[in-house]
PDB file of all heavy atoms in Angstrom:
ATOM      1  N   ILE A   1      39.682   7.058  -3.967  1.00  0.00           N
ATOM      2  CA  ILE A   1      39.660   8.034  -5.071  1.00  0.00           C
ATOM      3  C   ILE A   1      39.045   9.369  -4.600  1.00  0.00           C
ATOM      4  O   ILE A   1      37.992   9.260  -4.164  1.00  0.00           O
ATOM      5  CB  ILE A   1      39.112   7.529  -6.304  1.00  0.00           C
ATOM      6  CG1 ILE A   1      39.750   6.019  -6.620  1.00  0.00           C
ATOM      7  CG2 ILE A   1      39.070   8.471  -7.482  1.00  0.00           C
ATOM      8  CD1 ILE A   1      38.866   5.276  -7.658  1.00  0.00           C
ATOM      9  N   LYS A   2      39.705  10.486  -4.863  1.00  0.00           N
ATOM     10  CA  LYS A   2      39.127  11.817  -4.566  1.00  0.00           C
ATOM     11  C   LYS A   2      38.958  12.571  -5.778  1.00  0.00           C
ATOM     12  O   LYS A   2      40.065  12.863  -6.402  1.00  0.00           O
ATOM     13  CB  LYS A   2      39.981  12.457  -3.398  1.00  0.00           C
ATOM     14  CG  LYS A   2      40.046  11.824  -2.150  1.00  0.00           C
ATOM     15  CD  LYS A   2      38.900  11.854  -1.362  1.00  0.00           C
ATOM     16  CE  LYS A   2      39.167  11.205   0.116  1.00  0.00           C
ATOM     17  NZ  LYS A   2      37.784  11.113   0.804  1.00  0.00           N
ATOM     18  N   GLU A   3      37.703  12.842  -6.210  1.00  0.00           N
ATOM     19  CA  GLU A   3      37.490  13.539  -7.387  1.00  0.00           C
ATOM     20  C   GLU A   3      37.354  15.037  -7.157  1.00  0.00           C
ATOM     21  O   GLU A   3      36.533  15.505  -6.393  1.00  0.00           O
ATOM     22  CB  GLU A   3      36.280  13.072  -8.027  1.00  0.00           C
ATOM     23  CG  GLU A   3      36.352  11.550  -8.463  1.00  0.00           C
ATOM     24  CD  GLU A   3      35.077  11.005  -9.192  1.00  0.00           C
ATOM     25  OE1 GLU A   3      34.671  11.511 -10.171  1.00  0.00           O
ATOM     26  OE2 GLU A   3      34.534  10.059  -8.709  1.00  0.00           O
ATOM     27  N   MET A   4      38.088  15.792  -8.047  1.00  0.00           N
ATOM     28  CA  MET A   4      38.076  17.315  -7.860  1.00  0.00           C
ATOM     29  C   MET A   4      37.242  17.847  -9.059  1.00  0.00           C
ATOM     30  O   MET A   4      37.713  17.736 -10.098  1.00  0.00           O
ATOM     31  CB  MET A   4      39.424  17.907  -7.837  1.00  0.00           C
ATOM     32  CG  MET A   4      40.389  17.244  -6.890  1.00  0.00           C
ATOM     33  SD  MET A   4      39.886  17.577  -5.065  1.00  0.00           S
ATOM     34  CE  MET A   4      40.412  19.224  -5.065  1.00  0.00           C
ATOM     35  N   ALA A   5      36.084  18.585  -8.593  1.00  0.00           N
ATOM     36  CA  ALA A   5      35.237  18.943  -9.690  1.00  0.00           C
ATOM     37  C   ALA A   5      35.738  20.160 -10.596  1.00  0.00           C
ATOM     38  O   ALA A   5      35.518  20.106 -11.792  1.00  0.00           O
ATOM     39  CB  ALA A   5      33.929  19.463  -9.113  1.00  0.00           C
ATOM     40  N   GLU A   6      36.528  21.006 -10.031  1.00  0.00           N
ATOM     41  CA  GLU A   6      37.005  22.244 -10.838  1.00  0.00           C
ATOM     42  C   GLU A   6      38.492  22.333 -11.006  1.00  0.00           C
ATOM     43  O   GLU A   6      38.994  23.290 -11.256  1.00  0.00           O
ATOM     44  CB  GLU A   6      36.525  23.552 -10.093  1.00  0.00           C
ATOM     45  CG  GLU A   6      35.084  23.524  -9.781  1.00  0.00           C
ATOM     46  CD  GLU A   6      34.216  23.542 -11.103  1.00  0.00           C
ATOM     47  OE1 GLU A   6      34.798  24.155 -12.039  1.00  0.00           O
ATOM     48  OE2 GLU A   6      33.135  23.207 -11.010  1.00  0.00           O
ATOM     49  N   TYR A   7      39.015  21.126 -11.084  1.00  0.00           N
ATOM     50  CA  TYR A   7      40.533  21.110 -11.356  1.00  0.00           C
ATOM     51  C   TYR A   7      40.972  20.343 -12.507  1.00  0.00           C
ATOM     52  O   TYR A   7      40.330  19.257 -12.756  1.00  0.00           O
ATOM     53  CB  TYR A   7      41.297  20.491 -10.015  1.00  0.00           C
ATOM     54  CG  TYR A   7      41.240  21.407  -8.819  1.00  0.00           C
ATOM     55  CD1 TYR A   7      40.084  21.510  -8.157  1.00  0.00           C
ATOM     56  CD2 TYR A   7      42.306  21.984  -8.429  1.00  0.00           C
ATOM     57  CE1 TYR A   7      40.012  22.348  -6.949  1.00  0.00           C
ATOM     58  CE2 TYR A   7      42.390  22.822  -7.215  1.00  0.00           C
ATOM     59  CZ  TYR A   7      41.147  22.985  -6.545  1.00  0.00           C
ATOM     60  OH  TYR A   7      41.107  23.892  -5.570  1.00  0.00           O
ATOM     61  N   GLY A   8      41.994  20.620 -13.103  1.00  0.00           N
ATOM     62  CA  GLY A   8      42.592  20.026 -14.196  1.00  0.00           C
ATOM     63  C   GLY A   8      43.990  19.644 -13.974  1.00  0.00           C
ATOM     64  O   GLY A   8      44.399  19.693 -12.802  1.00  0.00           O
ATOM     65  N   THR A   9      44.718  19.203 -14.963  1.00  0.00           N
ATOM     66  CA  THR A   9      46.166  18.650 -14.734  1.00  0.00           C
ATOM     67  C   THR A   9      47.002  19.730 -14.095  1.00  0.00           C
ATOM     68  O   THR A   9      47.655  19.359 -13.053  1.00  0.00           O
ATOM     69  CB  THR A   9      46.769  18.388 -16.099  1.00  0.00           C
ATOM     70  OG1 THR A   9      46.029  17.274 -16.770  1.00  0.00           O
ATOM     71  CG2 THR A   9      48.151  17.777 -15.897  1.00  0.00           C
ATOM     72  N   GLU A  10      47.153  20.988 -14.561  1.00  0.00           N
ATOM     73  CA  GLU A  10      47.909  21.873 -13.973  1.00  0.00           C
ATOM     74  C   GLU A  10      47.668  22.101 -12.433  1.00  0.00           C
ATOM     75  O   GLU A  10      48.545  22.219 -11.586  1.00  0.00           O
ATOM     76  CB  GLU A  10      47.870  23.170 -14.739  1.00  0.00           C
ATOM     77  CG  GLU A  10      48.843  24.250 -14.156  1.00  0.00           C
ATOM     78  CD  GLU A  10      48.841  25.563 -15.001  1.00  0.00           C
ATOM     79  OE1 GLU A  10      47.870  25.896 -15.709  1.00  0.00           O
ATOM     80  OE2 GLU A  10      49.815  26.404 -14.953  1.00  0.00           O
ATOM     81  N   GLN A  11      46.336  22.287 -12.168  1.00  0.00           N
ATOM     82  CA  GLN A  11      45.897  22.639 -10.745  1.00  0.00           C
ATOM     83  C   GLN A  11      46.215  21.474  -9.949  1.00  0.00           C
ATOM     84  O   GLN A  11      46.871  21.596  -8.761  1.00  0.00           O
ATOM     85  CB  GLN A  11      44.443  22.910 -10.741  1.00  0.00           C
ATOM     86  CG  GLN A  11      44.113  24.201 -11.354  1.00  0.00           C
ATOM     87  CD  GLN A  11      43.993  24.174 -12.939  1.00  0.00           C
ATOM     88  OE1 GLN A  11      43.910  23.037 -13.537  1.00  0.00           O
ATOM     89  NE2 GLN A  11      44.171  25.221 -13.563  1.00  0.00           N
ATOM     90  N   LEU A  12      46.082  20.181 -10.325  1.00  0.00           N
ATOM     91  CA  LEU A  12      46.425  19.048  -9.496  1.00  0.00           C
ATOM     92  C   LEU A  12      47.995  18.975  -9.335  1.00  0.00           C
ATOM     93  O   LEU A  12      48.326  18.607  -8.234  1.00  0.00           O
ATOM     94  CB  LEU A  12      45.835  17.801 -10.124  1.00  0.00           C
ATOM     95  CG  LEU A  12      44.358  17.527 -10.141  1.00  0.00           C
ATOM     96  CD1 LEU A  12      43.898  16.469 -10.952  1.00  0.00           C
ATOM     97  CD2 LEU A  12      43.784  17.358  -8.710  1.00  0.00           C
ATOM     98  N   MET A  13      48.769  19.154 -10.340  1.00  0.00           N
ATOM     99  CA  MET A  13      50.131  19.211 -10.059  1.00  0.00           C
ATOM    100  C   MET A  13      50.639  20.226  -9.136  1.00  0.00           C
ATOM    101  O   MET A  13      51.548  20.029  -8.362  1.00  0.00           O
ATOM    102  CB  MET A  13      50.763  19.337 -11.456  1.00  0.00           C
ATOM    103  CG  MET A  13      50.650  18.139 -12.531  1.00  0.00           C
ATOM    104  SD  MET A  13      51.404  18.407 -14.155  1.00  0.00           S
ATOM    105  CE  MET A  13      53.120  18.279 -13.873  1.00  0.00           C
ATOM    106  N   ALA A  14      49.979  21.342  -9.253  1.00  0.00           N
ATOM    107  CA  ALA A  14      50.379  22.439  -8.240  1.00  0.00           C
ATOM    108  C   ALA A  14      50.078  22.002  -6.830  1.00  0.00           C
ATOM    109  O   ALA A  14      50.937  22.375  -5.964  1.00  0.00           O
ATOM    110  CB  ALA A  14      49.613  23.777  -8.653  1.00  0.00           C
ATOM    111  N   MET A  15      48.920  21.406  -6.621  1.00  0.00           N
ATOM    112  CA  MET A  15      48.531  20.864  -5.319  1.00  0.00           C
ATOM    113  C   MET A  15      49.630  19.748  -4.786  1.00  0.00           C
ATOM    114  O   MET A  15      49.906  19.917  -3.618  1.00  0.00           O
ATOM    115  CB  MET A  15      47.103  20.342  -5.306  1.00  0.00           C
ATOM    116  CG  MET A  15      46.059  21.444  -5.431  1.00  0.00           C
ATOM    117  SD  MET A  15      44.435  20.767  -5.552  1.00  0.00           S
ATOM    118  CE  MET A  15      44.187  20.265  -3.943  1.00  0.00           C
ATOM    119  N   VAL A  16      49.966  18.971  -5.630  1.00  0.00           N
ATOM    120  CA  VAL A  16      50.957  17.979  -5.177  1.00  0.00           C
ATOM    121  C   VAL A  16      52.347  18.619  -4.941  1.00  0.00           C
ATOM    122  O   VAL A  16      52.950  18.468  -3.887  1.00  0.00           O
ATOM    123  CB  VAL A  16      51.065  16.870  -6.386  1.00  0.00           C
ATOM    124  CG1 VAL A  16      52.342  15.848  -5.887  1.00  0.00           C
ATOM    125  CG2 VAL A  16      49.901  16.070  -6.530  1.00  0.00           C
ATOM    126  N   SER A  17      52.693  19.565  -5.826  1.00  0.00           N
ATOM    127  CA  SER A  17      53.939  20.285  -5.635  1.00  0.00           C
ATOM    128  C   SER A  17      54.026  21.035  -4.302  1.00  0.00           C
ATOM    129  O   SER A  17      55.047  21.128  -3.605  1.00  0.00           O
ATOM    130  CB  SER A  17      54.181  21.246  -6.839  1.00  0.00           C
ATOM    131  OG  SER A  17      55.468  21.923  -6.715  1.00  0.00           O
ATOM    132  N   GLY A  18      52.862  21.658  -3.972  1.00  0.00           N
ATOM    133  CA  GLY A  18      52.845  22.416  -2.736  1.00  0.00           C
ATOM    134  C   GLY A  18      52.631  21.628  -1.527  1.00  0.00           C
ATOM    135  O   GLY A  18      52.555  22.286  -0.427  1.00  0.00           O
ATOM    136  N   GLY A  19      52.396  20.414  -1.542  1.00  0.00           N
ATOM    137  CA  GLY A  19      52.172  19.557  -0.372  1.00  0.00           C
ATOM    138  C   GLY A  19      50.809  19.446   0.128  1.00  0.00           C
ATOM    139  O   GLY A  19      50.567  18.945   1.141  1.00  0.00           O
ATOM    140  N   ASP A  20      49.861  20.077  -0.731  1.00  0.00           N
ATOM    141  CA  ASP A  20      48.388  20.044  -0.340  1.00  0.00           C
ATOM    142  C   ASP A  20      47.832  18.568  -0.325  1.00  0.00           C
ATOM    143  O   ASP A  20      46.944  18.262   0.473  1.00  0.00           O
ATOM    144  CB  ASP A  20      47.591  21.029  -1.105  1.00  0.00           C
ATOM    145  CG  ASP A  20      48.131  22.374  -1.086  1.00  0.00           C
ATOM    146  OD1 ASP A  20      47.989  22.984   0.120  1.00  0.00           O
ATOM    147  OD2 ASP A  20      48.504  22.943  -1.996  1.00  0.00           O
ATOM    148  N   ILE A  21      48.270  17.873  -1.323  1.00  0.00           N
ATOM    149  CA  ILE A  21      47.864  16.413  -1.449  1.00  0.00           C
ATOM    150  C   ILE A  21      49.228  15.751  -1.973  1.00  0.00           C
ATOM    151  O   ILE A  21      50.317  16.253  -2.250  1.00  0.00           O
ATOM    152  CB  ILE A  21      46.849  16.228  -2.666  1.00  0.00           C
ATOM    153  CG1 ILE A  21      47.433  16.833  -4.011  1.00  0.00           C
ATOM    154  CG2 ILE A  21      45.556  16.987  -2.279  1.00  0.00           C
ATOM    155  CD1 ILE A  21      46.437  16.497  -5.152  1.00  0.00           C
ATOM    156  N   ASP A  22      49.222  14.398  -1.818  1.00  0.00           N
ATOM    157  CA  ASP A  22      50.368  13.639  -2.043  1.00  0.00           C
ATOM    158  C   ASP A  22      50.507  13.027  -3.434  1.00  0.00           C
ATOM    159  O   ASP A  22      51.523  12.746  -4.141  1.00  0.00           O
ATOM    160  CB  ASP A  22      50.485  12.475  -1.002  1.00  0.00           C
ATOM    161  CG  ASP A  22      50.907  13.104   0.310  1.00  0.00           C
ATOM    162  OD1 ASP A  22      51.723  14.132   0.482  1.00  0.00           O
ATOM    163  OD2 ASP A  22      50.407  12.561   1.317  1.00  0.00           O
ATOM    164  N   TYR A  23      49.228  12.668  -4.049  1.00  0.00           N
ATOM    165  CA  TYR A  23      49.254  11.925  -5.319  1.00  0.00           C
ATOM    166  C   TYR A  23      48.114  12.356  -6.157  1.00  0.00           C
ATOM    167  O   TYR A  23      46.919  12.633  -5.622  1.00  0.00           O
ATOM    168  CB  TYR A  23      49.209  10.409  -5.077  1.00  0.00           C
ATOM    169  CG  TYR A  23      50.060   9.802  -4.052  1.00  0.00           C
ATOM    170  CD1 TYR A  23      49.670   9.536  -2.763  1.00  0.00           C
ATOM    171  CD2 TYR A  23      51.550   9.623  -4.477  1.00  0.00           C
ATOM    172  CE1 TYR A  23      50.652   8.912  -1.888  1.00  0.00           C
ATOM    173  CE2 TYR A  23      52.415   9.021  -3.543  1.00  0.00           C
ATOM    174  CZ  TYR A  23      51.984   8.677  -2.287  1.00  0.00           C
ATOM    175  OH  TYR A  23      52.857   8.082  -1.449  1.00  0.00           O
ATOM    176  N   ALA A  24      48.307  12.382  -7.366  1.00  0.00           N
ATOM    177  CA  ALA A  24      47.241  12.648  -8.383  1.00  0.00           C
ATOM    178  C   ALA A  24      47.433  11.905  -9.506  1.00  0.00           C
ATOM    179  O   ALA A  24      48.644  11.455  -9.861  1.00  0.00           O
ATOM    180  CB  ALA A  24      47.257  14.232  -8.707  1.00  0.00           C
ATOM    181  N   VAL A  25      46.514  11.528 -10.455  1.00  0.00           N
ATOM    182  CA  VAL A  25      46.663  10.792 -11.664  1.00  0.00           C
ATOM    183  C   VAL A  25      46.134  11.725 -12.725  1.00  0.00           C
ATOM    184  O   VAL A  25      44.966  12.270 -12.633  1.00  0.00           O
ATOM    185  CB  VAL A  25      45.890   9.394 -11.649  1.00  0.00           C
ATOM    186  CG1 VAL A  25      45.863   8.923 -13.126  1.00  0.00           C
ATOM    187  CG2 VAL A  25      46.608   8.422 -10.741  1.00  0.00           C
ATOM    188  N   CYS A  26      46.876  11.918 -13.738  1.00  0.00           N
ATOM    189  CA  CYS A  26      46.612  12.992 -14.895  1.00  0.00           C
ATOM    190  C   CYS A  26      46.954  12.314 -16.150  1.00  0.00           C
ATOM    191  O   CYS A  26      47.685  11.238 -16.148  1.00  0.00           O
ATOM    192  CB  CYS A  26      47.279  14.251 -14.660  1.00  0.00           C
ATOM    193  SG  CYS A  26      46.830  15.084 -13.118  1.00  0.00           S
ATOM    194  N   GLU A  27      46.502  13.033 -17.189  1.00  0.00           N
ATOM    195  CA  GLU A  27      46.960  12.606 -18.577  1.00  0.00           C
ATOM    196  C   GLU A  27      48.352  12.968 -18.843  1.00  0.00           C
ATOM    197  O   GLU A  27      48.799  14.082 -18.615  1.00  0.00           O
ATOM    198  CB  GLU A  27      45.963  13.352 -19.582  1.00  0.00           C
ATOM    199  CG  GLU A  27      46.059  12.759 -21.006  1.00  0.00           C
ATOM    200  CD  GLU A  27      47.247  13.288 -21.703  1.00  0.00           C
ATOM    201  OE1 GLU A  27      47.515  14.489 -21.685  1.00  0.00           O
ATOM    202  OE2 GLU A  27      47.974  12.455 -22.491  1.00  0.00           O
ATOM    203  N   GLY A  28      49.109  11.963 -19.362  1.00  0.00           N
ATOM    204  CA  GLY A  28      50.609  12.082 -19.394  1.00  0.00           C
ATOM    205  C   GLY A  28      51.145  13.170 -20.338  1.00  0.00           C
ATOM    206  O   GLY A  28      52.143  13.893 -19.946  1.00  0.00           O
ATOM    207  N   ASN A  29      50.633  13.237 -21.460  1.00  0.00           N
ATOM    208  CA  ASN A  29      51.121  14.335 -22.507  1.00  0.00           C
ATOM    209  C   ASN A  29      51.029  15.744 -21.856  1.00  0.00           C
ATOM    210  O   ASN A  29      51.925  16.527 -21.999  1.00  0.00           O
ATOM    211  CB  ASN A  29      50.336  14.328 -23.770  1.00  0.00           C
ATOM    212  CG  ASN A  29      50.605  13.082 -24.597  1.00  0.00           C
ATOM    213  OD1 ASN A  29      51.692  12.584 -24.643  1.00  0.00           O
ATOM    214  ND2 ASN A  29      49.680  12.443 -25.373  1.00  0.00           N
ATOM    215  N   THR A  30      49.866  15.967 -21.288  1.00  0.00           N
ATOM    216  CA  THR A  30      49.726  17.225 -20.616  1.00  0.00           C
ATOM    217  C   THR A  30      50.653  17.494 -19.452  1.00  0.00           C
ATOM    218  O   THR A  30      51.220  18.528 -19.261  1.00  0.00           O
ATOM    219  CB  THR A  30      48.257  17.523 -20.203  1.00  0.00           C
ATOM    220  OG1 THR A  30      47.470  17.319 -21.359  1.00  0.00           O
ATOM    221  CG2 THR A  30      48.011  18.985 -19.793  1.00  0.00           C
ATOM    222  N   ALA A  31      50.664  16.566 -18.745  1.00  0.00           N
ATOM    223  CA  ALA A  31      51.530  16.603 -17.417  1.00  0.00           C
ATOM    224  C   ALA A  31      52.988  16.798 -17.832  1.00  0.00           C
ATOM    225  O   ALA A  31      53.798  17.577 -17.190  1.00  0.00           O
ATOM    226  CB  ALA A  31      51.405  15.384 -16.565  1.00  0.00           C
ATOM    227  N   HIS A  32      53.435  16.140 -18.911  1.00  0.00           N
ATOM    228  CA  HIS A  32      54.916  16.297 -19.324  1.00  0.00           C
ATOM    229  C   HIS A  32      55.135  17.700 -19.721  1.00  0.00           C
ATOM    230  O   HIS A  32      56.227  18.260 -19.345  1.00  0.00           O
ATOM    231  CB  HIS A  32      55.040  15.371 -20.491  1.00  0.00           C
ATOM    232  CG  HIS A  32      56.459  15.032 -20.780  1.00  0.00           C
ATOM    233  ND1 HIS A  32      56.913  13.736 -20.923  1.00  0.00           N
ATOM    234  CD2 HIS A  32      57.664  15.752 -20.628  1.00  0.00           C
ATOM    235  CE1 HIS A  32      58.230  13.586 -21.078  1.00  0.00           C
ATOM    236  NE2 HIS A  32      58.731  14.859 -20.864  1.00  0.00           N
ATOM    237  N   ILE A  33      54.173  18.416 -20.328  1.00  0.00           N
ATOM    238  CA  ILE A  33      54.434  19.754 -20.731  1.00  0.00           C
ATOM    239  C   ILE A  33      54.503  20.751 -19.536  1.00  0.00           C
ATOM    240  O   ILE A  33      55.398  21.746 -19.511  1.00  0.00           O
ATOM    241  CB  ILE A  33      53.278  20.277 -21.765  1.00  0.00           C
ATOM    242  CG1 ILE A  33      53.458  19.540 -23.089  1.00  0.00           C
ATOM    243  CG2 ILE A  33      53.324  21.777 -21.938  1.00  0.00           C
ATOM    244  CD1 ILE A  33      52.544  19.742 -24.091  1.00  0.00           C
ATOM    245  N   TYR A  34      53.706  20.419 -18.523  1.00  0.00           N
ATOM    246  CA  TYR A  34      53.710  21.307 -17.249  1.00  0.00           C
ATOM    247  C   TYR A  34      54.830  21.030 -16.251  1.00  0.00           C
ATOM    248  O   TYR A  34      55.096  21.839 -15.532  1.00  0.00           O
ATOM    249  CB  TYR A  34      52.388  21.218 -16.564  1.00  0.00           C
ATOM    250  CG  TYR A  34      51.279  21.962 -17.196  1.00  0.00           C
ATOM    251  CD1 TYR A  34      50.097  21.282 -17.588  1.00  0.00           C
ATOM    252  CD2 TYR A  34      51.315  23.363 -17.364  1.00  0.00           C
ATOM    253  CE1 TYR A  34      48.966  22.008 -18.004  1.00  0.00           C
ATOM    254  CE2 TYR A  34      50.291  23.947 -17.963  1.00  0.00           C
ATOM    255  CZ  TYR A  34      49.154  23.284 -18.396  1.00  0.00           C
ATOM    256  OH  TYR A  34      48.022  24.104 -18.855  1.00  0.00           O
ATOM    257  N   LEU A  35      55.590  19.982 -16.576  1.00  0.00           N
ATOM    258  CA  LEU A  35      56.603  19.478 -15.612  1.00  0.00           C
ATOM    259  C   LEU A  35      57.577  20.543 -15.366  1.00  0.00           C
ATOM    260  O   LEU A  35      58.207  20.580 -14.212  1.00  0.00           O
ATOM    261  CB  LEU A  35      57.206  18.164 -16.045  1.00  0.00           C
ATOM    262  CG  LEU A  35      58.060  17.373 -15.076  1.00  0.00           C
ATOM    263  CD1 LEU A  35      57.322  16.953 -13.832  1.00  0.00           C
ATOM    264  CD2 LEU A  35      58.719  16.114 -15.742  1.00  0.00           C
ATOM    265  N   HIS A  36      57.914  21.310 -16.431  1.00  0.00           N
ATOM    266  CA  HIS A  36      59.141  22.267 -16.181  1.00  0.00           C
ATOM    267  C   HIS A  36      58.686  23.310 -15.158  1.00  0.00           C
ATOM    268  O   HIS A  36      59.581  23.978 -14.671  1.00  0.00           O
ATOM    269  CB  HIS A  36      59.580  22.831 -17.464  1.00  0.00           C
ATOM    270  CG  HIS A  36      58.538  23.789 -18.111  1.00  0.00           C
ATOM    271  ND1 HIS A  36      57.436  23.396 -18.746  1.00  0.00           N
ATOM    272  CD2 HIS A  36      58.379  25.197 -17.982  1.00  0.00           C
ATOM    273  CE1 HIS A  36      56.699  24.511 -19.207  1.00  0.00           C
ATOM    274  NE2 HIS A  36      57.454  25.499 -18.588  1.00  0.00           N
ATOM    275  N   ASN A  37      57.448  23.455 -14.874  1.00  0.00           N
ATOM    276  CA  ASN A  37      56.983  24.515 -13.903  1.00  0.00           C
ATOM    277  C   ASN A  37      57.046  23.947 -12.418  1.00  0.00           C
ATOM    278  O   ASN A  37      56.921  24.717 -11.561  1.00  0.00           O
ATOM    279  CB  ASN A  37      55.560  24.852 -14.219  1.00  0.00           C
ATOM    280  CG  ASN A  37      55.323  25.624 -15.498  1.00  0.00           C
ATOM    281  OD1 ASN A  37      56.161  26.218 -15.947  1.00  0.00           O
ATOM    282  ND2 ASN A  37      54.212  25.394 -16.075  1.00  0.00           N
ATOM    283  N   PHE A  38      57.338  22.673 -12.293  1.00  0.00           N
ATOM    284  CA  PHE A  38      57.396  22.172 -10.942  1.00  0.00           C
ATOM    285  C   PHE A  38      58.586  21.223 -10.862  1.00  0.00           C
ATOM    286  O   PHE A  38      58.529  20.000 -11.181  1.00  0.00           O
ATOM    287  CB  PHE A  38      56.139  21.230 -10.694  1.00  0.00           C
ATOM    288  CG  PHE A  38      54.814  22.012 -10.968  1.00  0.00           C
ATOM    289  CD1 PHE A  38      54.103  21.735 -12.095  1.00  0.00           C
ATOM    290  CD2 PHE A  38      54.390  22.900 -10.022  1.00  0.00           C
ATOM    291  CE1 PHE A  38      52.923  22.446 -12.408  1.00  0.00           C
ATOM    292  CE2 PHE A  38      53.159  23.631 -10.191  1.00  0.00           C
ATOM    293  CZ  PHE A  38      52.466  23.408 -11.305  1.00  0.00           C
TER     294      PHE A  38
END
């Protein structure tokens, strides 16, 4: 488990999308809304 102090759902999704990290766990309702951006 790697904890990111200054990151929320959108930032973690952007990091996975860009290949900076491979996996993240986030709250589903929020992730669903951001999904169309990635």
